[in-house]
Amino acid sequence: MATILYSATMSLDGYIAGPGGDMGWLTPHLGPNPLVDELIPRIGALVVGNRTFGGDDPHKGTDRAGKPFGGGWDGPQFVVTHHPRPSGDGITFVPDVPTALREARAAAGDGYVNILGADIARQCLHAGEVDEILVCVAPVLLGGGTPLFAEPGTIGMQQLHVSHTPHAVNIWMRITSR
């Protein structure tokens, strides 16, 4: 059965996107990360928020633009949107989080379903559907933007792994209580 993982790179002051959804701040912090490199092939499917799917890309202007994990991953994506459009090229537009999770779990098999997008992660947390969280904390202060979590409530966690790279401190946790 698939494990539901929310992963994101976050500034030290808690933001995953800068003001206006800016992701350009992330580009210098995308250096080698062995933990992320080990995770990517274990991801079986993505659940992506529509704003994240159509938003700013830290790889814009390169051949890696528009590709999950900068082209390091390929597989089924389930994009949650109130305005579904025709699906194709491994991208399925779905009307709600429960549908996205159901379809992504089926597609992922025993792999990870990786959530991309703060609002989708918040909805999944409120529904009790997140098993693990991986945050790569980048050495930068943004001062505003999209927070990692907005109003998640109290959620207990167990630390699974902490590691350091020149670009980030990785903190991987398992949800233990909601």
N, C-alpha and C. Protein backbone atom coordinates (compact mmCIF):
# COMPACT_ATOMS: atom_id res chain seq x y z
N MET A 1 0.83 -1.17 0.00
CA MET A 1 0.00 0.00 0.00
C MET A 1 0.88 1.24 0.00
N ALA A 2 0.49 2.23 -0.74
CA ALA A 2 1.27 3.46 -0.90
C ALA A 2 1.35 4.24 0.42
N THR A 3 2.47 4.92 0.59
CA THR A 3 2.67 5.85 1.71
C THR A 3 2.47 7.26 1.17
N ILE A 4 1.67 8.06 1.89
CA ILE A 4 1.41 9.43 1.47
C ILE A 4 2.45 10.34 2.11
N LEU A 5 3.22 11.03 1.29
CA LEU A 5 4.32 11.88 1.72
C LEU A 5 4.11 13.30 1.22
N TYR A 6 4.25 14.25 2.13
CA TYR A 6 4.30 15.65 1.71
C TYR A 6 5.76 16.05 1.77
N SER A 7 6.32 16.48 0.65
CA SER A 7 7.71 16.93 0.63
C SER A 7 7.78 18.33 0.04
N ALA A 8 8.68 19.11 0.61
CA ALA A 8 8.86 20.48 0.13
C ALA A 8 10.20 21.01 0.59
N THR A 9 10.72 21.97 -0.15
CA THR A 9 11.87 22.74 0.31
C THR A 9 11.32 24.03 0.88
N MET A 10 11.81 24.37 2.06
CA MET A 10 11.28 25.49 2.82
C MET A 10 12.41 26.44 3.20
N SER A 11 12.12 27.72 3.23
CA SER A 11 13.08 28.69 3.76
C SER A 11 13.15 28.53 5.27
N LEU A 12 14.19 29.03 5.87
CA LEU A 12 14.35 28.93 7.31
C LEU A 12 13.20 29.59 8.07
N ASP A 13 12.57 30.60 7.46
CA ASP A 13 11.44 31.24 8.13
C ASP A 13 10.09 30.63 7.74
N GLY A 14 10.10 29.46 7.13
CA GLY A 14 8.88 28.67 6.97
C GLY A 14 8.09 28.80 5.69
N TYR A 15 8.68 29.37 4.64
CA TYR A 15 7.94 29.54 3.38
C TYR A 15 8.43 28.60 2.29
N ILE A 16 7.47 28.05 1.52
CA ILE A 16 7.84 27.17 0.41
C ILE A 16 7.78 27.88 -0.94
N ALA A 17 7.15 29.05 -0.96
CA ALA A 17 7.15 29.93 -2.13
C ALA A 17 7.25 31.35 -1.61
N GLY A 18 7.92 32.19 -2.37
CA GLY A 18 8.06 33.58 -1.98
C GLY A 18 6.80 34.37 -2.28
N PRO A 19 6.80 35.66 -2.02
CA PRO A 19 5.65 36.50 -2.33
C PRO A 19 5.22 36.35 -3.78
N GLY A 20 3.91 36.27 -3.99
CA GLY A 20 3.38 36.12 -5.34
C GLY A 20 3.63 34.75 -5.95
N GLY A 21 4.02 33.77 -5.11
CA GLY A 21 4.28 32.42 -5.63
C GLY A 21 5.66 32.26 -6.23
N ASP A 22 6.55 33.23 -6.03
CA ASP A 22 7.89 33.17 -6.60
C ASP A 22 8.65 31.92 -6.15
N MET A 23 9.18 31.19 -7.11
CA MET A 23 10.00 30.01 -6.81
C MET A 23 11.45 30.21 -7.22
N GLY A 24 11.78 31.37 -7.76
CA GLY A 24 13.15 31.64 -8.18
C GLY A 24 14.15 31.56 -7.04
N TRP A 25 13.71 31.83 -5.82
CA TRP A 25 14.60 31.75 -4.65
C TRP A 25 15.18 30.36 -4.47
N LEU A 26 14.46 29.35 -4.96
CA LEU A 26 14.83 27.95 -4.74
C LEU A 26 16.02 27.51 -5.60
N THR A 27 16.19 28.11 -6.76
CA THR A 27 17.19 27.65 -7.73
C THR A 27 18.58 27.44 -7.15
N PRO A 28 19.14 28.36 -6.36
CA PRO A 28 20.49 28.11 -5.84
C PRO A 28 20.56 27.00 -4.78
N HIS A 29 19.40 26.54 -4.32
CA HIS A 29 19.36 25.53 -3.25
C HIS A 29 18.97 24.16 -3.78
N LEU A 30 19.03 23.96 -5.08
CA LEU A 30 18.66 22.69 -5.69
C LEU A 30 19.87 21.81 -5.96
N GLY A 31 20.94 22.05 -5.26
CA GLY A 31 22.16 21.27 -5.46
C GLY A 31 21.98 19.82 -5.09
N PRO A 32 23.03 19.05 -5.19
CA PRO A 32 22.94 17.62 -4.89
C PRO A 32 22.37 17.37 -3.49
N ASN A 33 21.43 16.43 -3.43
CA ASN A 33 20.83 16.03 -2.16
C ASN A 33 20.62 14.52 -2.20
N PRO A 34 21.54 13.75 -1.62
CA PRO A 34 21.44 12.29 -1.71
C PRO A 34 20.11 11.73 -1.20
N LEU A 35 19.54 12.32 -0.16
CA LEU A 35 18.27 11.81 0.36
C LEU A 35 17.17 11.96 -0.68
N VAL A 36 17.09 13.11 -1.31
CA VAL A 36 16.08 13.34 -2.35
C VAL A 36 16.36 12.44 -3.55
N ASP A 37 17.63 12.28 -3.91
CA ASP A 37 17.99 11.40 -5.02
C ASP A 37 17.55 9.96 -4.76
N GLU A 38 17.63 9.51 -3.52
CA GLU A 38 17.17 8.16 -3.16
C GLU A 38 15.65 8.06 -3.14
N LEU A 39 14.97 9.14 -2.77
CA LEU A 39 13.51 9.16 -2.71
C LEU A 39 12.87 9.12 -4.09
N ILE A 40 13.36 9.91 -5.01
CA ILE A 40 12.68 10.11 -6.29
C ILE A 40 12.30 8.80 -7.00
N PRO A 41 13.18 7.79 -7.10
CA PRO A 41 12.75 6.58 -7.79
C PRO A 41 11.70 5.77 -7.01
N ARG A 42 11.48 6.10 -5.75
CA ARG A 42 10.49 5.40 -4.92
C ARG A 42 9.12 6.05 -5.00
N ILE A 43 9.02 7.19 -5.69
CA ILE A 43 7.73 7.87 -5.85
C ILE A 43 6.97 7.21 -6.99
N GLY A 44 5.76 6.77 -6.68
CA GLY A 44 4.94 6.10 -7.68
C GLY A 44 3.94 7.02 -8.36
N ALA A 45 3.56 8.11 -7.67
CA ALA A 45 2.58 9.05 -8.23
C ALA A 45 2.67 10.37 -7.47
N LEU A 46 2.22 11.42 -8.12
CA LEU A 46 2.15 12.75 -7.51
C LEU A 46 0.70 13.20 -7.39
N VAL A 47 0.39 13.87 -6.28
CA VAL A 47 -0.85 14.63 -6.14
C VAL A 47 -0.41 16.08 -6.07
N VAL A 48 -0.89 16.87 -7.02
CA VAL A 48 -0.40 18.23 -7.20
C VAL A 48 -1.56 19.22 -7.14
N GLY A 49 -1.37 20.30 -6.41
CA GLY A 49 -2.35 21.37 -6.42
C GLY A 49 -2.29 22.12 -7.74
N ASN A 50 -3.41 22.67 -8.15
CA ASN A 50 -3.47 23.36 -9.44
C ASN A 50 -2.57 24.59 -9.47
N ARG A 51 -2.48 25.33 -8.35
CA ARG A 51 -1.59 26.50 -8.32
C ARG A 51 -0.13 26.07 -8.45
N THR A 52 0.22 24.97 -7.81
CA THR A 52 1.59 24.46 -7.93
C THR A 52 1.85 23.99 -9.36
N PHE A 53 0.90 23.27 -9.93
CA PHE A 53 1.04 22.75 -11.29
C PHE A 53 1.27 23.87 -12.30
N GLY A 54 0.51 24.95 -12.18
CA GLY A 54 0.60 26.04 -13.16
C GLY A 54 1.43 27.21 -12.68
N GLY A 55 2.09 27.07 -11.53
CA GLY A 55 2.80 28.19 -10.94
C GLY A 55 4.22 28.37 -11.44
N ASP A 56 4.94 29.23 -10.73
CA ASP A 56 6.32 29.54 -11.05
C ASP A 56 7.18 28.28 -10.94
N ASP A 57 8.24 28.22 -11.71
CA ASP A 57 9.09 27.04 -11.77
C ASP A 57 10.54 27.45 -11.53
N PRO A 58 11.20 26.85 -10.51
CA PRO A 58 12.59 27.21 -10.27
C PRO A 58 13.53 26.83 -11.43
N HIS A 59 13.03 26.03 -12.34
CA HIS A 59 13.83 25.61 -13.50
C HIS A 59 13.48 26.36 -14.78
N LYS A 60 12.65 27.42 -14.66
CA LYS A 60 12.23 28.14 -15.88
C LYS A 60 13.46 28.65 -16.62
N GLY A 61 13.33 28.61 -17.92
CA GLY A 61 14.44 29.05 -18.76
C GLY A 61 15.46 27.95 -19.05
N THR A 62 15.20 26.74 -18.54
CA THR A 62 16.10 25.61 -18.79
C THR A 62 15.30 24.47 -19.41
N ASP A 63 16.00 23.43 -19.84
CA ASP A 63 15.31 22.27 -20.41
C ASP A 63 14.64 21.43 -19.32
N ARG A 64 14.82 21.79 -18.06
CA ARG A 64 14.20 21.07 -16.93
C ARG A 64 12.87 21.69 -16.52
N ALA A 65 12.50 22.81 -17.12
CA ALA A 65 11.27 23.53 -16.76
C ALA A 65 10.04 22.67 -17.02
N GLY A 66 9.08 22.79 -16.11
CA GLY A 66 7.80 22.10 -16.27
C GLY A 66 7.83 20.62 -15.98
N LYS A 67 8.94 20.11 -15.48
CA LYS A 67 9.06 18.68 -15.21
C LYS A 67 9.20 18.46 -13.71
N PRO A 68 8.48 17.48 -13.16
CA PRO A 68 8.60 17.22 -11.73
C PRO A 68 10.04 16.92 -11.33
N PHE A 69 10.45 17.53 -10.24
CA PHE A 69 11.80 17.38 -9.73
C PHE A 69 12.83 17.72 -10.80
N GLY A 70 12.51 18.73 -11.61
CA GLY A 70 13.42 19.19 -12.64
C GLY A 70 13.74 18.15 -13.68
N GLY A 71 12.81 17.21 -13.90
CA GLY A 71 13.03 16.15 -14.88
C GLY A 71 13.60 14.88 -14.27
N GLY A 72 13.82 14.89 -12.97
CA GLY A 72 14.37 13.72 -12.30
C GLY A 72 13.35 12.64 -12.04
N TRP A 73 12.08 12.93 -12.28
CA TRP A 73 11.01 11.96 -12.04
C TRP A 73 10.03 11.99 -13.19
N ASP A 74 9.49 10.81 -13.50
CA ASP A 74 8.47 10.70 -14.54
C ASP A 74 7.46 9.67 -14.08
N GLY A 75 6.19 10.00 -14.17
CA GLY A 75 5.14 9.08 -13.77
C GLY A 75 3.81 9.80 -13.72
N PRO A 76 2.79 9.11 -13.19
CA PRO A 76 1.45 9.69 -13.17
C PRO A 76 1.32 10.84 -12.17
N GLN A 77 0.67 11.90 -12.64
CA GLN A 77 0.38 13.06 -11.81
C GLN A 77 -1.12 13.28 -11.78
N PHE A 78 -1.63 13.56 -10.59
CA PHE A 78 -3.05 13.82 -10.41
C PHE A 78 -3.18 15.25 -9.89
N VAL A 79 -3.67 16.14 -10.75
CA VAL A 79 -3.75 17.56 -10.45
C VAL A 79 -5.16 17.89 -9.99
N VAL A 80 -5.26 18.43 -8.77
CA VAL A 80 -6.56 18.77 -8.19
C VAL A 80 -6.94 20.17 -8.65
N THR A 81 -8.10 20.27 -9.29
CA THR A 81 -8.57 21.55 -9.81
C THR A 81 -10.09 21.58 -9.82
N HIS A 82 -10.64 22.76 -9.60
CA HIS A 82 -12.09 22.94 -9.69
C HIS A 82 -12.55 23.04 -11.14
N HIS A 83 -11.59 23.13 -12.05
CA HIS A 83 -11.90 23.26 -13.47
C HIS A 83 -11.13 22.20 -14.26
N PRO A 84 -11.51 20.90 -14.09
CA PRO A 84 -10.79 19.84 -14.81
C PRO A 84 -10.80 20.08 -16.31
N ARG A 85 -9.73 19.68 -16.94
CA ARG A 85 -9.59 19.78 -18.38
C ARG A 85 -9.15 18.42 -18.90
N PRO A 86 -9.07 18.26 -20.20
CA PRO A 86 -8.66 16.96 -20.73
C PRO A 86 -7.29 16.53 -20.19
N SER A 87 -7.20 15.26 -19.87
CA SER A 87 -5.96 14.70 -19.33
C SER A 87 -5.13 14.12 -20.45
N GLY A 88 -3.85 13.91 -20.18
CA GLY A 88 -2.94 13.31 -21.15
C GLY A 88 -1.50 13.43 -20.70
N ASP A 89 -0.63 12.70 -21.35
CA ASP A 89 0.81 12.72 -21.04
C ASP A 89 1.10 12.42 -19.57
N GLY A 90 0.33 11.49 -19.00
CA GLY A 90 0.56 11.10 -17.61
C GLY A 90 -0.01 12.06 -16.59
N ILE A 91 -0.73 13.09 -17.05
CA ILE A 91 -1.34 14.08 -16.16
C ILE A 91 -2.85 13.91 -16.21
N THR A 92 -3.44 13.69 -15.03
CA THR A 92 -4.88 13.52 -14.91
C THR A 92 -5.41 14.64 -14.03
N PHE A 93 -6.37 15.39 -14.54
CA PHE A 93 -7.00 16.45 -13.76
C PHE A 93 -8.21 15.88 -13.05
N VAL A 94 -8.27 16.10 -11.74
CA VAL A 94 -9.34 15.54 -10.91
C VAL A 94 -10.02 16.65 -10.12
N PRO A 95 -11.29 16.45 -9.72
CA PRO A 95 -12.04 17.54 -9.09
C PRO A 95 -11.81 17.74 -7.60
N ASP A 96 -11.19 16.76 -6.92
CA ASP A 96 -11.06 16.90 -5.47
C ASP A 96 -9.94 16.02 -4.92
N VAL A 97 -9.58 16.29 -3.67
CA VAL A 97 -8.48 15.58 -3.02
C VAL A 97 -8.78 14.09 -2.84
N PRO A 98 -9.99 13.69 -2.37
CA PRO A 98 -10.24 12.25 -2.23
C PRO A 98 -10.06 11.47 -3.53
N THR A 99 -10.51 12.05 -4.64
CA THR A 99 -10.34 11.38 -5.94
C THR A 99 -8.86 11.29 -6.29
N ALA A 100 -8.13 12.38 -6.08
CA ALA A 100 -6.70 12.39 -6.39
C ALA A 100 -5.97 11.33 -5.57
N LEU A 101 -6.24 11.26 -4.28
CA LEU A 101 -5.57 10.27 -3.42
C LEU A 101 -5.93 8.84 -3.82
N ARG A 102 -7.19 8.59 -4.10
CA ARG A 102 -7.61 7.25 -4.50
C ARG A 102 -6.89 6.80 -5.77
N GLU A 103 -6.88 7.67 -6.78
CA GLU A 103 -6.25 7.32 -8.04
C GLU A 103 -4.73 7.24 -7.92
N ALA A 104 -4.14 8.14 -7.15
CA ALA A 104 -2.69 8.14 -6.97
C ALA A 104 -2.24 6.90 -6.20
N ARG A 105 -2.98 6.50 -5.16
CA ARG A 105 -2.65 5.27 -4.42
C ARG A 105 -2.66 4.06 -5.35
N ALA A 106 -3.67 3.98 -6.18
CA ALA A 106 -3.76 2.85 -7.12
C ALA A 106 -2.57 2.87 -8.08
N ALA A 107 -2.19 4.03 -8.54
CA ALA A 107 -1.08 4.14 -9.50
C ALA A 107 0.27 3.88 -8.84
N ALA A 108 0.42 4.28 -7.58
CA ALA A 108 1.72 4.18 -6.89
C ALA A 108 2.04 2.77 -6.40
N GLY A 109 1.04 1.93 -6.23
CA GLY A 109 1.30 0.59 -5.70
C GLY A 109 1.90 0.67 -4.31
N ASP A 110 3.11 0.11 -4.14
CA ASP A 110 3.78 0.14 -2.84
C ASP A 110 4.73 1.33 -2.71
N GLY A 111 4.75 2.20 -3.69
CA GLY A 111 5.63 3.36 -3.65
C GLY A 111 5.02 4.52 -2.88
N TYR A 112 5.65 5.66 -2.99
CA TYR A 112 5.15 6.86 -2.35
C TYR A 112 4.18 7.60 -3.26
N VAL A 113 3.15 8.17 -2.66
CA VAL A 113 2.36 9.22 -3.30
C VAL A 113 2.90 10.50 -2.72
N ASN A 114 3.49 11.33 -3.55
CA ASN A 114 4.12 12.57 -3.09
C ASN A 114 3.19 13.74 -3.36
N ILE A 115 2.90 14.51 -2.31
CA ILE A 115 2.04 15.68 -2.42
C ILE A 115 2.90 16.89 -2.73
N LEU A 116 2.48 17.67 -3.72
CA LEU A 116 3.13 18.93 -4.06
C LEU A 116 2.09 20.03 -3.99
N GLY A 117 2.31 20.99 -3.11
CA GLY A 117 1.40 22.13 -2.96
C GLY A 117 0.91 22.26 -1.54
N ALA A 118 1.03 23.46 -0.99
CA ALA A 118 0.70 23.71 0.41
C ALA A 118 -0.78 23.52 0.71
N ASP A 119 -1.66 23.99 -0.15
CA ASP A 119 -3.09 23.87 0.14
C ASP A 119 -3.55 22.42 0.06
N ILE A 120 -3.04 21.69 -0.91
CA ILE A 120 -3.40 20.27 -1.02
C ILE A 120 -2.86 19.51 0.20
N ALA A 121 -1.65 19.83 0.63
CA ALA A 121 -1.08 19.19 1.83
C ALA A 121 -1.93 19.49 3.05
N ARG A 122 -2.38 20.74 3.18
CA ARG A 122 -3.24 21.11 4.31
C ARG A 122 -4.53 20.31 4.29
N GLN A 123 -5.14 20.19 3.12
CA GLN A 123 -6.39 19.42 3.01
C GLN A 123 -6.15 17.95 3.37
N CYS A 124 -5.05 17.40 2.89
CA CYS A 124 -4.73 16.00 3.19
C CYS A 124 -4.46 15.80 4.69
N LEU A 125 -3.76 16.75 5.31
CA LEU A 125 -3.52 16.66 6.76
C LEU A 125 -4.82 16.70 7.54
N HIS A 126 -5.70 17.63 7.19
CA HIS A 126 -6.99 17.73 7.88
C HIS A 126 -7.82 16.46 7.71
N ALA A 127 -7.66 15.80 6.59
CA ALA A 127 -8.40 14.55 6.35
C ALA A 127 -7.70 13.34 6.96
N GLY A 128 -6.54 13.54 7.59
CA GLY A 128 -5.80 12.42 8.18
C GLY A 128 -5.14 11.52 7.15
N GLU A 129 -4.80 12.08 6.00
CA GLU A 129 -4.29 11.29 4.89
C GLU A 129 -2.79 11.41 4.64
N VAL A 130 -2.05 12.10 5.50
CA VAL A 130 -0.60 12.21 5.31
C VAL A 130 0.10 11.28 6.29
N ASP A 131 1.00 10.44 5.77
CA ASP A 131 1.74 9.51 6.61
C ASP A 131 3.09 10.07 7.05
N GLU A 132 3.77 10.77 6.13
CA GLU A 132 5.12 11.26 6.39
C GLU A 132 5.30 12.64 5.78
N ILE A 133 6.26 13.40 6.35
CA ILE A 133 6.59 14.73 5.85
C ILE A 133 8.10 14.83 5.73
N LEU A 134 8.57 15.28 4.58
CA LEU A 134 9.99 15.54 4.36
C LEU A 134 10.13 17.02 4.03
N VAL A 135 10.89 17.73 4.86
CA VAL A 135 11.15 19.14 4.62
C VAL A 135 12.64 19.32 4.45
N CYS A 136 13.03 19.94 3.36
CA CYS A 136 14.42 20.33 3.13
C CYS A 136 14.49 21.82 3.44
N VAL A 137 15.16 22.15 4.53
CA VAL A 137 15.23 23.54 4.98
C VAL A 137 16.43 24.22 4.33
N ALA A 138 16.14 25.21 3.50
CA ALA A 138 17.20 25.92 2.77
C ALA A 138 17.69 27.11 3.60
N PRO A 139 18.98 27.42 3.49
CA PRO A 139 19.55 28.53 4.26
C PRO A 139 19.25 29.89 3.63
N VAL A 140 17.98 30.28 3.73
CA VAL A 140 17.54 31.56 3.18
C VAL A 140 16.31 32.02 3.98
N LEU A 141 16.15 33.32 4.13
CA LEU A 141 14.96 33.91 4.74
C LEU A 141 14.19 34.64 3.64
N LEU A 142 12.91 34.32 3.48
CA LEU A 142 12.10 34.94 2.44
C LEU A 142 11.27 36.11 2.97
N GLY A 143 10.90 36.08 4.23
CA GLY A 143 10.15 37.18 4.82
C GLY A 143 8.67 37.20 4.49
N GLY A 144 8.21 36.29 3.68
CA GLY A 144 6.80 36.21 3.32
C GLY A 144 6.60 35.25 2.18
N GLY A 145 5.34 34.94 1.91
CA GLY A 145 5.01 34.03 0.82
C GLY A 145 4.04 32.96 1.26
N THR A 146 4.19 31.77 0.73
CA THR A 146 3.32 30.64 1.04
C THR A 146 3.96 29.81 2.15
N PRO A 147 3.30 29.71 3.32
CA PRO A 147 3.89 28.94 4.41
C PRO A 147 3.81 27.43 4.13
N LEU A 148 4.72 26.69 4.76
CA LEU A 148 4.70 25.23 4.64
C LEU A 148 3.33 24.70 5.04
N PHE A 149 2.82 25.18 6.17
CA PHE A 149 1.48 24.79 6.64
C PHE A 149 0.74 26.03 7.10
N ALA A 150 -0.52 26.09 6.77
CA ALA A 150 -1.39 27.14 7.29
C ALA A 150 -2.47 26.44 8.12
N GLU A 151 -2.44 26.69 9.41
CA GLU A 151 -3.45 26.17 10.33
C GLU A 151 -3.60 24.65 10.30
N PRO A 152 -2.53 23.88 10.46
CA PRO A 152 -2.71 22.43 10.42
C PRO A 152 -3.29 21.85 11.70
N GLY A 153 -3.29 22.60 12.82
CA GLY A 153 -3.69 22.04 14.10
C GLY A 153 -2.50 21.32 14.72
N THR A 154 -2.71 20.69 15.84
CA THR A 154 -1.62 19.97 16.51
C THR A 154 -1.51 18.57 15.93
N ILE A 155 -0.32 18.25 15.45
CA ILE A 155 -0.06 16.94 14.84
C ILE A 155 1.24 16.42 15.43
N GLY A 156 1.20 15.24 16.05
CA GLY A 156 2.40 14.65 16.62
C GLY A 156 3.21 13.93 15.55
N MET A 157 4.53 13.98 15.70
CA MET A 157 5.41 13.36 14.71
C MET A 157 6.59 12.68 15.39
N GLN A 158 7.13 11.71 14.68
CA GLN A 158 8.34 11.01 15.08
C GLN A 158 9.40 11.28 14.04
N GLN A 159 10.58 11.66 14.49
CA GLN A 159 11.68 11.92 13.57
C GLN A 159 12.17 10.60 12.98
N LEU A 160 12.26 10.53 11.65
CA LEU A 160 12.77 9.35 10.97
C LEU A 160 14.22 9.53 10.52
N HIS A 161 14.54 10.77 10.08
CA HIS A 161 15.86 10.98 9.50
C HIS A 161 16.18 12.48 9.47
N VAL A 162 17.40 12.81 9.77
CA VAL A 162 17.91 14.17 9.62
C VAL A 162 19.26 14.06 8.93
N SER A 163 19.46 14.86 7.89
CA SER A 163 20.75 14.88 7.21
C SER A 163 21.03 16.29 6.72
N HIS A 164 22.29 16.52 6.37
CA HIS A 164 22.73 17.85 5.96
C HIS A 164 23.41 17.76 4.59
N THR A 165 23.17 18.77 3.79
CA THR A 165 23.91 18.96 2.54
C THR A 165 24.35 20.43 2.56
N PRO A 166 25.21 20.84 1.64
CA PRO A 166 25.56 22.27 1.60
C PRO A 166 24.36 23.17 1.26
N HIS A 167 23.29 22.57 0.71
CA HIS A 167 22.15 23.34 0.24
C HIS A 167 20.94 23.27 1.15
N ALA A 168 20.91 22.31 2.09
CA ALA A 168 19.70 22.14 2.91
C ALA A 168 19.97 21.22 4.10
N VAL A 169 19.08 21.34 5.07
CA VAL A 169 18.99 20.37 6.16
C VAL A 169 17.70 19.60 5.91
N ASN A 170 17.79 18.29 5.77
CA ASN A 170 16.63 17.45 5.50
C ASN A 170 16.06 16.92 6.81
N ILE A 171 14.77 17.08 7.00
CA ILE A 171 14.09 16.57 8.18
C ILE A 171 12.92 15.72 7.70
N TRP A 172 12.96 14.41 8.00
CA TRP A 172 11.92 13.48 7.57
C TRP A 172 11.22 12.98 8.81
N MET A 173 9.89 13.10 8.83
CA MET A 173 9.08 12.73 10.00
C MET A 173 7.92 11.84 9.59
N ARG A 174 7.47 11.05 10.56
CA ARG A 174 6.26 10.23 10.40
C ARG A 174 5.19 10.82 11.32
N ILE A 175 3.98 10.93 10.82
CA ILE A 175 2.85 11.40 11.62
C ILE A 175 2.50 10.30 12.62
N THR A 176 2.40 10.66 13.91
CA THR A 176 2.07 9.68 14.94
C THR A 176 0.70 9.93 15.57
N SER A 177 0.25 11.18 15.56
CA SER A 177 -1.08 11.47 16.12
C SER A 177 -1.63 12.72 15.47
N ARG A 178 -2.94 12.74 15.38
CA ARG A 178 -3.61 13.89 14.75
C ARG A 178 -4.52 14.55 15.74
